[in-house]
Amino acid sequence: MDPTTLTAIMSALIGGAAGEAGKSAWASLTTLVRQRFGSDSTAVAALERPDSGKPDQVAGILVALAAADPDFGKELHRWTTEATRVIQQKRDVSNTISGEARISGPVVQAGDVHGSINFGKS
């Protein structure tokens, strides 16, 4: 298991990538680790508090567990493949203004916005 790839996936999910699907992917990872190593494991504790830990530290723990347990390594690899698909999934956005709409000011139609949108003078 590549720790850099795992860190990137975890960082994206912590950052909100893929919305609810990303949250579901994170929950499935937590469940996978809990079922394999029990609720008291360091990895489960880190996964249950993703904002308090650093993704690279959590990834390091998981990579070490995968190296020590090849079956877990296979499951973790399957999880990373699915999580990558979820993160990269194309989300089509369809914004429409139609009919009798009367627009008297600026309009923004967008999908995900990560940052500010400003109209007027700053």
PDB file of N, CA and C in Angstrom:
ATOM      1  N   MET A   1       0.848  -1.177   0.000  1.00  0.00           N
ATOM      2  CA  MET A   1       0.000   0.000   0.000  1.00  0.00           C
ATOM      3  C   MET A   1       0.892   1.237   0.000  1.00  0.00           C
ATOM      4  N   ASP A   2       0.628   2.128  -0.923  1.00  0.00           N
ATOM      5  CA  ASP A   2       1.397   3.359  -1.054  1.00  0.00           C
ATOM      6  C   ASP A   2       0.875   4.408  -0.069  1.00  0.00           C
ATOM      7  N   PRO A   3       1.693   4.841   0.890  1.00  0.00           N
ATOM      8  CA  PRO A   3       1.219   5.809   1.881  1.00  0.00           C
ATOM      9  C   PRO A   3       0.869   7.166   1.275  1.00  0.00           C
ATOM     10  N   THR A   4       1.539   7.556   0.205  1.00  0.00           N
ATOM     11  CA  THR A   4       1.248   8.852  -0.417  1.00  0.00           C
ATOM     12  C   THR A   4      -0.146   8.853  -1.036  1.00  0.00           C
ATOM     13  N   THR A   5      -0.478   7.777  -1.732  1.00  0.00           N
ATOM     14  CA  THR A   5      -1.806   7.665  -2.332  1.00  0.00           C
ATOM     15  C   THR A   5      -2.878   7.632  -1.260  1.00  0.00           C
ATOM     16  N   LEU A   6      -2.660   6.839  -0.229  1.00  0.00           N
ATOM     17  CA  LEU A   6      -3.632   6.742   0.847  1.00  0.00           C
ATOM     18  C   LEU A   6      -3.808   8.093   1.537  1.00  0.00           C
ATOM     19  N   THR A   7      -2.720   8.814   1.768  1.00  0.00           N
ATOM     20  CA  THR A   7      -2.801  10.141   2.380  1.00  0.00           C
ATOM     21  C   THR A   7      -3.603  11.089   1.497  1.00  0.00           C
ATOM     22  N   ALA A   8      -3.378  11.049   0.200  1.00  0.00           N
ATOM     23  CA  ALA A   8      -4.111  11.925  -0.722  1.00  0.00           C
ATOM     24  C   ALA A   8      -5.607  11.627  -0.701  1.00  0.00           C
ATOM     25  N   ILE A   9      -5.956  10.354  -0.689  1.00  0.00           N
ATOM     26  CA  ILE A   9      -7.367   9.970  -0.637  1.00  0.00           C
ATOM     27  C   ILE A   9      -7.988  10.442   0.667  1.00  0.00           C
ATOM     28  N   MET A  10      -7.304  10.193   1.764  1.00  0.00           N
ATOM     29  CA  MET A  10      -7.838  10.578   3.069  1.00  0.00           C
ATOM     30  C   MET A  10      -7.960  12.096   3.186  1.00  0.00           C
ATOM     31  N   SER A  11      -6.992  12.827   2.676  1.00  0.00           N
ATOM     32  CA  SER A  11      -7.040  14.292   2.707  1.00  0.00           C
ATOM     33  C   SER A  11      -8.234  14.808   1.916  1.00  0.00           C
ATOM     34  N   ALA A  12      -8.467  14.219   0.757  1.00  0.00           N
ATOM     35  CA  ALA A  12      -9.601  14.632  -0.069  1.00  0.00           C
ATOM     36  C   ALA A  12     -10.923  14.374   0.645  1.00  0.00           C
ATOM     37  N   LEU A  13     -11.040  13.216   1.272  1.00  0.00           N
ATOM     38  CA  LEU A  13     -12.283  12.892   1.972  1.00  0.00           C
ATOM     39  C   LEU A  13     -12.485  13.789   3.188  1.00  0.00           C
ATOM     40  N   ILE A  14     -11.417  14.043   3.942  1.00  0.00           N
ATOM     41  CA  ILE A  14     -11.520  14.937   5.095  1.00  0.00           C
ATOM     42  C   ILE A  14     -11.924  16.332   4.630  1.00  0.00           C
ATOM     43  N   GLY A  15     -11.411  16.738   3.477  1.00  0.00           N
ATOM     44  CA  GLY A  15     -11.718  18.057   2.930  1.00  0.00           C
ATOM     45  C   GLY A  15     -13.103  18.172   2.323  1.00  0.00           C
ATOM     46  N   GLY A  16     -13.855  17.110   2.336  1.00  0.00           N
ATOM     47  CA  GLY A  16     -15.230  17.164   1.853  1.00  0.00           C
ATOM     48  C   GLY A  16     -15.425  16.718   0.418  1.00  0.00           C
ATOM     49  N   ALA A  17     -14.394  16.179  -0.191  1.00  0.00           N
ATOM     50  CA  ALA A  17     -14.529  15.712  -1.573  1.00  0.00           C
ATOM     51  C   ALA A  17     -15.616  14.651  -1.655  1.00  0.00           C
ATOM     52  N   ALA A  18     -16.393  14.726  -2.686  1.00  0.00           N
ATOM     53  CA  ALA A  18     -17.444  13.750  -2.985  1.00  0.00           C
ATOM     54  C   ALA A  18     -18.642  13.853  -2.052  1.00  0.00           C
ATOM     55  N   GLY A  19     -18.697  14.879  -1.219  1.00  0.00           N
ATOM     56  CA  GLY A  19     -19.881  15.130  -0.396  1.00  0.00           C
ATOM     57  C   GLY A  19     -20.283  13.939   0.456  1.00  0.00           C
ATOM     58  N   GLU A  20     -21.560  13.597   0.357  1.00  0.00           N
ATOM     59  CA  GLU A  20     -22.096  12.498   1.167  1.00  0.00           C
ATOM     60  C   GLU A  20     -21.460  11.160   0.799  1.00  0.00           C
ATOM     61  N   ALA A  21     -21.152  10.984  -0.462  1.00  0.00           N
ATOM     62  CA  ALA A  21     -20.495   9.737  -0.874  1.00  0.00           C
ATOM     63  C   ALA A  21     -19.125   9.623  -0.223  1.00  0.00           C
ATOM     64  N   GLY A  22     -18.433  10.740  -0.077  1.00  0.00           N
ATOM     65  CA  GLY A  22     -17.136  10.751   0.602  1.00  0.00           C
ATOM     66  C   GLY A  22     -17.269  10.415   2.071  1.00  0.00           C
ATOM     67  N   LYS A  23     -18.311  10.956   2.701  1.00  0.00           N
ATOM     68  CA  LYS A  23     -18.560  10.633   4.111  1.00  0.00           C
ATOM     69  C   LYS A  23     -18.848   9.147   4.274  1.00  0.00           C
ATOM     70  N   SER A  24     -19.598   8.611   3.331  1.00  0.00           N
ATOM     71  CA  SER A  24     -19.905   7.182   3.365  1.00  0.00           C
ATOM     72  C   SER A  24     -18.641   6.348   3.179  1.00  0.00           C
ATOM     73  N   ALA A  25     -17.754   6.790   2.285  1.00  0.00           N
ATOM     74  CA  ALA A  25     -16.485   6.078   2.075  1.00  0.00           C
ATOM     75  C   ALA A  25     -15.653   6.092   3.348  1.00  0.00           C
ATOM     76  N   TRP A  26     -15.622   7.236   4.033  1.00  0.00           N
ATOM     77  CA  TRP A  26     -14.858   7.342   5.290  1.00  0.00           C
ATOM     78  C   TRP A  26     -15.452   6.403   6.336  1.00  0.00           C
ATOM     79  N   ALA A  27     -16.777   6.391   6.433  1.00  0.00           N
ATOM     80  CA  ALA A  27     -17.443   5.509   7.397  1.00  0.00           C
ATOM     81  C   ALA A  27     -17.146   4.044   7.085  1.00  0.00           C
ATOM     82  N   SER A  28     -17.095   3.701   5.806  1.00  0.00           N
ATOM     83  CA  SER A  28     -16.808   2.307   5.454  1.00  0.00           C
ATOM     84  C   SER A  28     -15.377   1.929   5.820  1.00  0.00           C
ATOM     85  N   LEU A  29     -14.446   2.870   5.706  1.00  0.00           N
ATOM     86  CA  LEU A  29     -13.067   2.600   6.128  1.00  0.00           C
ATOM     87  C   LEU A  29     -13.009   2.388   7.636  1.00  0.00           C
ATOM     88  N   THR A  30     -13.703   3.240   8.375  1.00  0.00           N
ATOM     89  CA  THR A  30     -13.735   3.100   9.835  1.00  0.00           C
ATOM     90  C   THR A  30     -14.313   1.745  10.224  1.00  0.00           C
ATOM     91  N   THR A  31     -15.390   1.339   9.565  1.00  0.00           N
ATOM     92  CA  THR A  31     -16.010   0.040   9.837  1.00  0.00           C
ATOM     93  C   THR A  31     -15.056  -1.100   9.498  1.00  0.00           C
ATOM     94  N   LEU A  32     -14.382  -0.998   8.363  1.00  0.00           N
ATOM     95  CA  LEU A  32     -13.415  -2.023   7.955  1.00  0.00           C
ATOM     96  C   LEU A  32     -12.337  -2.208   9.016  1.00  0.00           C
ATOM     97  N   VAL A  33     -11.779  -1.107   9.482  1.00  0.00           N
ATOM     98  CA  VAL A  33     -10.699  -1.182  10.480  1.00  0.00           C
ATOM     99  C   VAL A  33     -11.238  -1.690  11.815  1.00  0.00           C
ATOM    100  N   ARG A  34     -12.411  -1.220  12.215  1.00  0.00           N
ATOM    101  CA  ARG A  34     -12.998  -1.651  13.489  1.00  0.00           C
ATOM    102  C   ARG A  34     -13.282  -3.151  13.475  1.00  0.00           C
ATOM    103  N   GLN A  35     -13.837  -3.648  12.375  1.00  0.00           N
ATOM    104  CA  GLN A  35     -14.145  -5.076  12.289  1.00  0.00           C
ATOM    105  C   GLN A  35     -12.878  -5.922  12.312  1.00  0.00           C
ATOM    106  N   ARG A  36     -11.822  -5.400  11.743  1.00  0.00           N
ATOM    107  CA  ARG A  36     -10.577  -6.165  11.652  1.00  0.00           C
ATOM    108  C   ARG A  36      -9.759  -6.112  12.938  1.00  0.00           C
ATOM    109  N   PHE A  37      -9.720  -4.936  13.579  1.00  0.00           N
ATOM    110  CA  PHE A  37      -8.803  -4.743  14.702  1.00  0.00           C
ATOM    111  C   PHE A  37      -9.475  -4.370  16.018  1.00  0.00           C
ATOM    112  N   GLY A  38     -10.787  -4.221  16.020  1.00  0.00           N
ATOM    113  CA  GLY A  38     -11.494  -3.896  17.251  1.00  0.00           C
ATOM    114  C   GLY A  38     -11.595  -2.395  17.474  1.00  0.00           C
ATOM    115  N   SER A  39     -12.525  -2.032  18.319  1.00  0.00           N
ATOM    116  CA  SER A  39     -12.816  -0.620  18.573  1.00  0.00           C
ATOM    117  C   SER A  39     -11.717   0.111  19.312  1.00  0.00           C
ATOM    118  N   ASP A  40     -10.841  -0.609  19.986  1.00  0.00           N
ATOM    119  CA  ASP A  40      -9.809   0.038  20.790  1.00  0.00           C
ATOM    120  C   ASP A  40      -8.526   0.327  20.017  1.00  0.00           C
ATOM    121  N   SER A  41      -8.495   0.012  18.737  1.00  0.00           N
ATOM    122  CA  SER A  41      -7.252   0.192  17.988  1.00  0.00           C
ATOM    123  C   SER A  41      -6.939   1.672  17.780  1.00  0.00           C
ATOM    124  N   THR A  42      -5.663   1.961  17.671  1.00  0.00           N
ATOM    125  CA  THR A  42      -5.199   3.324  17.415  1.00  0.00           C
ATOM    126  C   THR A  42      -5.772   3.840  16.103  1.00  0.00           C
ATOM    127  N   ALA A  43      -5.850   2.976  15.104  1.00  0.00           N
ATOM    128  CA  ALA A  43      -6.367   3.381  13.792  1.00  0.00           C
ATOM    129  C   ALA A  43      -7.828   3.798  13.880  1.00  0.00           C
ATOM    130  N   VAL A  44      -8.642   3.036  14.607  1.00  0.00           N
ATOM    131  CA  VAL A  44     -10.058   3.391  14.747  1.00  0.00           C
ATOM    132  C   VAL A  44     -10.186   4.733  15.452  1.00  0.00           C
ATOM    133  N   ALA A  45      -9.421   4.929  16.507  1.00  0.00           N
ATOM    134  CA  ALA A  45      -9.474   6.203  17.228  1.00  0.00           C
ATOM    135  C   ALA A  45      -9.132   7.363  16.298  1.00  0.00           C
ATOM    136  N   ALA A  46      -8.126   7.196  15.462  1.00  0.00           N
ATOM    137  CA  ALA A  46      -7.731   8.258  14.530  1.00  0.00           C
ATOM    138  C   ALA A  46      -8.799   8.482  13.459  1.00  0.00           C
ATOM    139  N   LEU A  47      -9.413   7.413  12.989  1.00  0.00           N
ATOM    140  CA  LEU A  47     -10.443   7.537  11.960  1.00  0.00           C
ATOM    141  C   LEU A  47     -11.719   8.170  12.499  1.00  0.00           C
ATOM    142  N   GLU A  48     -12.004   7.950  13.770  1.00  0.00           N
ATOM    143  CA  GLU A  48     -13.206   8.532  14.359  1.00  0.00           C
ATOM    144  C   GLU A  48     -13.040  10.018  14.639  1.00  0.00           C
ATOM    145  N   ARG A  49     -11.819  10.513  14.613  1.00  0.00           N
ATOM    146  CA  ARG A  49     -11.545  11.941  14.813  1.00  0.00           C
ATOM    147  C   ARG A  49     -10.675  12.455  13.658  1.00  0.00           C
ATOM    148  N   PRO A  50     -11.192  12.441  12.441  1.00  0.00           N
ATOM    149  CA  PRO A  50     -10.346  12.790  11.297  1.00  0.00           C
ATOM    150  C   PRO A  50      -9.826  14.226  11.328  1.00  0.00           C
ATOM    151  N   ASP A  51     -10.572  15.142  11.909  1.00  0.00           N
ATOM    152  CA  ASP A  51     -10.130  16.534  11.931  1.00  0.00           C
ATOM    153  C   ASP A  51      -9.027  16.773  12.946  1.00  0.00           C
ATOM    154  N   SER A  52      -8.913  15.904  13.940  1.00  0.00           N
ATOM    155  CA  SER A  52      -7.912  16.122  14.983  1.00  0.00           C
ATOM    156  C   SER A  52      -6.556  15.511  14.639  1.00  0.00           C
ATOM    157  N   GLY A  53      -6.533  14.619  13.678  1.00  0.00           N
ATOM    158  CA  GLY A  53      -5.270  13.987  13.300  1.00  0.00           C
ATOM    159  C   GLY A  53      -4.829  14.438  11.931  1.00  0.00           C
ATOM    160  N   LYS A  54      -3.633  14.099  11.601  1.00  0.00           N
ATOM    161  CA  LYS A  54      -3.120  14.425  10.276  1.00  0.00           C
ATOM    162  C   LYS A  54      -3.324  13.213   9.381  1.00  0.00           C
ATOM    163  N   PRO A  55      -3.821  13.432   8.163  1.00  0.00           N
ATOM    164  CA  PRO A  55      -4.062  12.295   7.262  1.00  0.00           C
ATOM    165  C   PRO A  55      -2.827  11.431   7.045  1.00  0.00           C
ATOM    166  N   ASP A  56      -1.644  12.037   7.001  1.00  0.00           N
ATOM    167  CA  ASP A  56      -0.439  11.237   6.776  1.00  0.00           C
ATOM    168  C   ASP A  56      -0.137  10.318   7.951  1.00  0.00           C
ATOM    169  N   GLN A  57      -0.480  10.752   9.167  1.00  0.00           N
ATOM    170  CA  GLN A  57      -0.262   9.899  10.338  1.00  0.00           C
ATOM    171  C   GLN A  57      -1.235   8.723  10.333  1.00  0.00           C
ATOM    172  N   VAL A  58      -2.499   9.008  10.013  1.00  0.00           N
ATOM    173  CA  VAL A  58      -3.501   7.939   9.950  1.00  0.00           C
ATOM    174  C   VAL A  58      -3.137   6.966   8.829  1.00  0.00           C
ATOM    175  N   ALA A  59      -2.735   7.495   7.684  1.00  0.00           N
ATOM    176  CA  ALA A  59      -2.324   6.637   6.570  1.00  0.00           C
ATOM    177  C   ALA A  59      -1.135   5.775   6.968  1.00  0.00           C
ATOM    178  N   GLY A  60      -0.192   6.345   7.704  1.00  0.00           N
ATOM    179  CA  GLY A  60       0.968   5.579   8.163  1.00  0.00           C
ATOM    180  C   GLY A  60       0.565   4.409   9.042  1.00  0.00           C
ATOM    181  N   ILE A  61      -0.393   4.643   9.925  1.00  0.00           N
ATOM    182  CA  ILE A  61      -0.897   3.569  10.791  1.00  0.00           C
ATOM    183  C   ILE A  61      -1.527   2.469   9.939  1.00  0.00           C
ATOM    184  N   LEU A  62      -2.360   2.870   8.973  1.00  0.00           N
ATOM    185  CA  LEU A  62      -3.039   1.887   8.126  1.00  0.00           C
ATOM    186  C   LEU A  62      -2.062   1.115   7.249  1.00  0.00           C
ATOM    187  N   VAL A  63      -1.059   1.798   6.726  1.00  0.00           N
ATOM    188  CA  VAL A  63      -0.049   1.129   5.899  1.00  0.00           C
ATOM    189  C   VAL A  63       0.711   0.098   6.727  1.00  0.00           C
ATOM    190  N   ALA A  64       1.048   0.448   7.963  1.00  0.00           N
ATOM    191  CA  ALA A  64       1.745  -0.497   8.843  1.00  0.00           C
ATOM    192  C   ALA A  64       0.866  -1.711   9.140  1.00  0.00           C
ATOM    193  N   LEU A  65      -0.420  -1.468   9.391  1.00  0.00           N
ATOM    194  CA  LEU A  65      -1.339  -2.584   9.642  1.00  0.00           C
ATOM    195  C   LEU A  65      -1.460  -3.472   8.404  1.00  0.00           C
ATOM    196  N   ALA A  66      -1.511  -2.849   7.226  1.00  0.00           N
ATOM    197  CA  ALA A  66      -1.613  -3.614   5.976  1.00  0.00           C
ATOM    198  C   ALA A  66      -0.356  -4.442   5.726  1.00  0.00           C
ATOM    199  N   ALA A  67       0.796  -3.904   6.087  1.00  0.00           N
ATOM    200  CA  ALA A  67       2.051  -4.645   5.907  1.00  0.00           C
ATOM    201  C   ALA A  67       2.111  -5.853   6.833  1.00  0.00           C
ATOM    202  N   ALA A  68       1.553  -5.712   8.029  1.00  0.00           N
ATOM    203  CA  ALA A  68       1.579  -6.797   9.010  1.00  0.00           C
ATOM    204  C   ALA A  68       0.477  -7.828   8.770  1.00  0.00           C
ATOM    205  N   ASP A  69      -0.569  -7.435   8.059  1.00  0.00           N
ATOM    206  CA  ASP A  69      -1.723  -8.302   7.845  1.00  0.00           C
ATOM    207  C   ASP A  69      -2.112  -8.248   6.363  1.00  0.00           C
ATOM    208  N   PRO A  70      -1.597  -9.185   5.557  1.00  0.00           N
ATOM    209  CA  PRO A  70      -1.857  -9.152   4.112  1.00  0.00           C
ATOM    210  C   PRO A  70      -3.341  -9.176   3.736  1.00  0.00           C
ATOM    211  N   ASP A  71      -4.159  -9.875   4.523  1.00  0.00           N
ATOM    212  CA  ASP A  71      -5.594  -9.887   4.225  1.00  0.00           C
ATOM    213  C   ASP A  71      -6.186  -8.488   4.393  1.00  0.00           C
ATOM    214  N   PHE A  72      -5.796  -7.801   5.453  1.00  0.00           N
ATOM    215  CA  PHE A  72      -6.242  -6.423   5.634  1.00  0.00           C
ATOM    216  C   PHE A  72      -5.700  -5.550   4.502  1.00  0.00           C
ATOM    217  N   GLY A  73      -4.473  -5.804   4.091  1.00  0.00           N
ATOM    218  CA  GLY A  73      -3.884  -5.057   2.981  1.00  0.00           C
ATOM    219  C   GLY A  73      -4.722  -5.158   1.719  1.00  0.00           C
ATOM    220  N   LYS A  74      -5.228  -6.357   1.432  1.00  0.00           N
ATOM    221  CA  LYS A  74      -6.089  -6.548   0.263  1.00  0.00           C
ATOM    222  C   LYS A  74      -7.391  -5.774   0.412  1.00  0.00           C
ATOM    223  N   GLU A  75      -7.972  -5.832   1.615  1.00  0.00           N
ATOM    224  CA  GLU A  75      -9.215  -5.101   1.861  1.00  0.00           C
ATOM    225  C   GLU A  75      -8.989  -3.594   1.768  1.00  0.00           C
ATOM    226  N   LEU A  76      -7.872  -3.125   2.298  1.00  0.00           N
ATOM    227  CA  LEU A  76      -7.554  -1.701   2.238  1.00  0.00           C
ATOM    228  C   LEU A  76      -7.332  -1.268   0.787  1.00  0.00           C
ATOM    229  N   HIS A  77      -6.687  -2.125   0.002  1.00  0.00           N
ATOM    230  CA  HIS A  77      -6.491  -1.818  -1.417  1.00  0.00           C
ATOM    231  C   HIS A  77      -7.834  -1.696  -2.135  1.00  0.00           C
ATOM    232  N   ARG A  78      -8.753  -2.619  -1.848  1.00  0.00           N
ATOM    233  CA  ARG A  78     -10.095  -2.539  -2.445  1.00  0.00           C
ATOM    234  C   ARG A  78     -10.778  -1.240  -2.038  1.00  0.00           C
ATOM    235  N   TRP A  79     -10.632  -0.881  -0.741  1.00  0.00           N
ATOM    236  CA  TRP A  79     -11.249   0.365  -0.267  1.00  0.00           C
ATOM    237  C   TRP A  79     -10.657   1.569  -0.996  1.00  0.00           C
ATOM    238  N   THR A  80      -9.337   1.619  -1.156  1.00  0.00           N
ATOM    239  CA  THR A  80      -8.720   2.775  -1.820  1.00  0.00           C
ATOM    240  C   THR A  80      -9.163   2.869  -3.282  1.00  0.00           C
ATOM    241  N   THR A  81      -9.330   1.738  -3.937  1.00  0.00           N
ATOM    242  CA  THR A  81      -9.807   1.739  -5.320  1.00  0.00           C
ATOM    243  C   THR A  81     -11.204   2.338  -5.394  1.00  0.00           C
ATOM    244  N   GLU A  82     -12.085   1.909  -4.503  1.00  0.00           N
ATOM    245  CA  GLU A  82     -13.456   2.428  -4.485  1.00  0.00           C
ATOM    246  C   GLU A  82     -13.480   3.899  -4.072  1.00  0.00           C
ATOM    247  N   ALA A  83     -12.712   4.270  -3.070  1.00  0.00           N
ATOM    248  CA  ALA A  83     -12.686   5.666  -2.620  1.00  0.00           C
ATOM    249  C   ALA A  83     -12.165   6.584  -3.722  1.00  0.00           C
ATOM    250  N   THR A  84     -11.173   6.128  -4.459  1.00  0.00           N
ATOM    251  CA  THR A  84     -10.655   6.914  -5.581  1.00  0.00           C
ATOM    252  C   THR A  84     -11.736   7.119  -6.627  1.00  0.00           C
ATOM    253  N   ARG A  85     -12.489   6.082  -6.908  1.00  0.00           N
ATOM    254  CA  ARG A  85     -13.587   6.189  -7.872  1.00  0.00           C
ATOM    255  C   ARG A  85     -14.623   7.200  -7.396  1.00  0.00           C
ATOM    256  N   VAL A  86     -14.956   7.154  -6.114  1.00  0.00           N
ATOM    257  CA  VAL A  86     -15.938   8.083  -5.549  1.00  0.00           C
ATOM    258  C   VAL A  86     -15.449   9.523  -5.674  1.00  0.00           C
ATOM    259  N   ILE A  87     -14.188   9.744  -5.354  1.00  0.00           N
ATOM    260  CA  ILE A  87     -13.627  11.098  -5.403  1.00  0.00           C
ATOM    261  C   ILE A  87     -13.587  11.623  -6.835  1.00  0.00           C
ATOM    262  N   GLN A  88     -13.231  10.765  -7.774  1.00  0.00           N
ATOM    263  CA  GLN A  88     -13.064  11.197  -9.159  1.00  0.00           C
ATOM    264  C   GLN A  88     -14.348  11.164  -9.973  1.00  0.00           C
ATOM    265  N   GLN A  89     -15.396  10.660  -9.377  1.00  0.00           N
ATOM    266  CA  GLN A  89     -16.652  10.515 -10.103  1.00  0.00           C
ATOM    267  C   GLN A  89     -17.094  11.869 -10.647  1.00  0.00           C
ATOM    268  N   LYS A  90     -17.414  11.870 -11.911  1.00  0.00           N
ATOM    269  CA  LYS A  90     -17.854  13.111 -12.552  1.00  0.00           C
ATOM    270  C   LYS A  90     -19.254  13.432 -12.051  1.00  0.00           C
ATOM    271  N   ARG A  91     -19.400  14.647 -11.591  1.00  0.00           N
ATOM    272  CA  ARG A  91     -20.710  15.099 -11.128  1.00  0.00           C
ATOM    273  C   ARG A  91     -21.220  16.127 -12.131  1.00  0.00           C
ATOM    274  N   ASP A  92     -22.189  15.734 -12.907  1.00  0.00           N
ATOM    275  CA  ASP A  92     -22.771  16.655 -13.874  1.00  0.00           C
ATOM    276  C   ASP A  92     -23.648  17.656 -13.141  1.00  0.00           C
ATOM    277  N   VAL A  93     -23.568  18.897 -13.591  1.00  0.00           N
ATOM    278  CA  VAL A  93     -24.379  19.960 -13.020  1.00  0.00           C
ATOM    279  C   VAL A  93     -25.202  20.551 -14.145  1.00  0.00           C
ATOM    280  N   SER A  94     -26.471  20.708 -13.904  1.00  0.00           N
ATOM    281  CA  SER A  94     -27.343  21.324 -14.897  1.00  0.00           C
ATOM    282  C   SER A  94     -28.060  22.482 -14.230  1.00  0.00           C
ATOM    283  N   ASN A  95     -27.682  23.684 -14.597  1.00  0.00           N
ATOM    284  CA  ASN A  95     -28.310  24.889 -14.069  1.00  0.00           C
ATOM    285  C   ASN A  95     -29.143  25.509 -15.185  1.00  0.00           C
ATOM    286  N   THR A  96     -30.360  25.906 -14.860  1.00  0.00           N
ATOM    287  CA  THR A  96     -31.246  26.442 -15.884  1.00  0.00           C
ATOM    288  C   THR A  96     -32.043  27.612 -15.335  1.00  0.00           C
ATOM    289  N   ILE A  97     -32.149  28.640 -16.149  1.00  0.00           N
ATOM    290  CA  ILE A  97     -33.087  29.732 -15.888  1.00  0.00           C
ATOM    291  C   ILE A  97     -33.981  29.763 -17.113  1.00  0.00           C
ATOM    292  N   SER A  98     -35.267  29.603 -16.917  1.00  0.00           N
ATOM    293  CA  SER A  98     -36.138  29.509 -18.087  1.00  0.00           C
ATOM    294  C   SER A  98     -37.524  30.043 -17.774  1.00  0.00           C
ATOM    295  N   GLY A  99     -38.372  29.910 -18.734  1.00  0.00           N
ATOM    296  CA  GLY A  99     -39.761  30.304 -18.563  1.00  0.00           C
ATOM    297  C   GLY A  99     -39.912  31.811 -18.457  1.00  0.00           C
ATOM    298  N   GLU A 100     -40.640  32.243 -17.486  1.00  0.00           N
ATOM    299  CA  GLU A 100     -40.943  33.659 -17.283  1.00  0.00           C
ATOM    300  C   GLU A 100     -39.939  34.344 -16.364  1.00  0.00           C
ATOM    301  N   ALA A 101     -38.793  33.749 -16.167  1.00  0.00           N
ATOM    302  CA  ALA A 101     -37.793  34.319 -15.250  1.00  0.00           C
ATOM    303  C   ALA A 101     -37.379  35.711 -15.706  1.00  0.00           C
ATOM    304  N   ARG A 102     -37.299  36.625 -14.753  1.00  0.00           N
ATOM    305  CA  ARG A 102     -36.831  37.985 -15.020  1.00  0.00           C
ATOM    306  C   ARG A 102     -35.614  38.215 -14.140  1.00  0.00           C
ATOM    307  N   ILE A 103     -34.492  38.347 -14.748  1.00  0.00           N
ATOM    308  CA  ILE A 103     -33.234  38.513 -14.028  1.00  0.00           C
ATOM    309  C   ILE A 103     -32.865  39.990 -14.049  1.00  0.00           C
ATOM    310  N   SER A 104     -32.650  40.563 -12.870  1.00  0.00           N
ATOM    311  CA  SER A 104     -32.303  41.984 -12.804  1.00  0.00           C
ATOM    312  C   SER A 104     -30.933  42.208 -12.169  1.00  0.00           C
ATOM    313  N   GLY A 105     -30.183  41.171 -12.010  1.00  0.00           N
ATOM    314  CA  GLY A 105     -28.855  41.292 -11.420  1.00  0.00           C
ATOM    315  C   GLY A 105     -27.997  40.113 -11.830  1.00  0.00           C
ATOM    316  N   PRO A 106     -26.817  40.060 -11.279  1.00  0.00           N
ATOM    317  CA  PRO A 106     -25.907  38.964 -11.631  1.00  0.00           C
ATOM    318  C   PRO A 106     -26.470  37.597 -11.229  1.00  0.00           C
ATOM    319  N   VAL A 107     -26.130  36.610 -12.009  1.00  0.00           N
ATOM    320  CA  VAL A 107     -26.534  35.235 -11.737  1.00  0.00           C
ATOM    321  C   VAL A 107     -25.302  34.349 -11.870  1.00  0.00           C
ATOM    322  N   VAL A 108     -25.146  33.448 -10.922  1.00  0.00           N
ATOM    323  CA  VAL A 108     -24.083  32.455 -11.009  1.00  0.00           C
ATOM    324  C   VAL A 108     -24.743  31.092 -10.989  1.00  0.00           C
ATOM    325  N   GLN A 109     -24.391  30.286 -11.956  1.00  0.00           N
ATOM    326  CA  GLN A 109     -24.828  28.906 -11.956  1.00  0.00           C
ATOM    327  C   GLN A 109     -23.568  28.064 -11.933  1.00  0.00           C
ATOM    328  N   ALA A 110     -23.464  27.219 -10.945  1.00  0.00           N
ATOM    329  CA  ALA A 110     -22.217  26.472 -10.772  1.00  0.00           C
ATOM    330  C   ALA A 110     -22.489  25.150 -10.086  1.00  0.00           C
ATOM    331  N   GLY A 111     -21.473  24.319 -10.116  1.00  0.00           N
ATOM    332  CA  GLY A 111     -21.487  23.080  -9.344  1.00  0.00           C
ATOM    333  C   GLY A 111     -20.852  23.366  -8.000  1.00  0.00           C
ATOM    334  N   ASP A 112     -19.754  22.720  -7.723  1.00  0.00           N
ATOM    335  CA  ASP A 112     -19.045  22.936  -6.464  1.00  0.00           C
ATOM    336  C   ASP A 112     -18.237  24.221  -6.548  1.00  0.00           C
ATOM    337  N   VAL A 113     -18.381  25.067  -5.553  1.00  0.00           N
ATOM    338  CA  VAL A 113     -17.596  26.296  -5.476  1.00  0.00           C
ATOM    339  C   VAL A 113     -16.732  26.202  -4.230  1.00  0.00           C
ATOM    340  N   HIS A 114     -15.443  26.268  -4.408  1.00  0.00           N
ATOM    341  CA  HIS A 114     -14.503  26.207  -3.289  1.00  0.00           C
ATOM    342  C   HIS A 114     -13.795  27.546  -3.214  1.00  0.00           C
ATOM    343  N   GLY A 115     -14.427  28.483  -2.566  1.00  0.00           N
ATOM    344  CA  GLY A 115     -13.878  29.828  -2.484  1.00  0.00           C
ATOM    345  C   GLY A 115     -15.000  30.837  -2.609  1.00  0.00           C
ATOM    346  N   SER A 116     -14.637  32.066  -2.799  1.00  0.00           N
ATOM    347  CA  SER A 116     -15.610  33.156  -2.812  1.00  0.00           C
ATOM    348  C   SER A 116     -16.095  33.461  -4.221  1.00  0.00           C
ATOM    349  N   ILE A 117     -17.313  33.950  -4.281  1.00  0.00           N
ATOM    350  CA  ILE A 117     -17.856  34.560  -5.486  1.00  0.00           C
ATOM    351  C   ILE A 117     -18.309  35.943  -5.059  1.00  0.00           C
ATOM    352  N   ASN A 118     -17.785  36.952  -5.702  1.00  0.00           N
ATOM    353  CA  ASN A 118     -18.103  38.328  -5.326  1.00  0.00           C
ATOM    354  C   ASN A 118     -18.610  39.101  -6.530  1.00  0.00           C
ATOM    355  N   PHE A 119     -19.611  39.930  -6.299  1.00  0.00           N
ATOM    356  CA  PHE A 119     -20.115  40.842  -7.313  1.00  0.00           C
ATOM    357  C   PHE A 119     -19.914  42.254  -6.798  1.00  0.00           C
ATOM    358  N   GLY A 120     -19.564  43.139  -7.660  1.00  0.00           N
ATOM    359  CA  GLY A 120     -19.433  44.526  -7.249  1.00  0.00           C
ATOM    360  C   GLY A 120     -18.016  44.868  -6.873  1.00  0.00           C
ATOM    361  N   LYS A 121     -17.912  45.998  -6.212  1.00  0.00           N
ATOM    362  CA  LYS A 121     -16.599  46.509  -5.834  1.00  0.00           C
ATOM    363  C   LYS A 121     -16.141  45.869  -4.537  1.00  0.00           C
ATOM    364  N   SER A 122     -14.836  45.690  -4.440  1.00  0.00           N
ATOM    365  CA  SER A 122     -14.307  45.105  -3.208  1.00  0.00           C
ATOM    366  C   SER A 122     -13.520  46.112  -2.430  1.00  0.00           C
TER     367      SER A 122
END
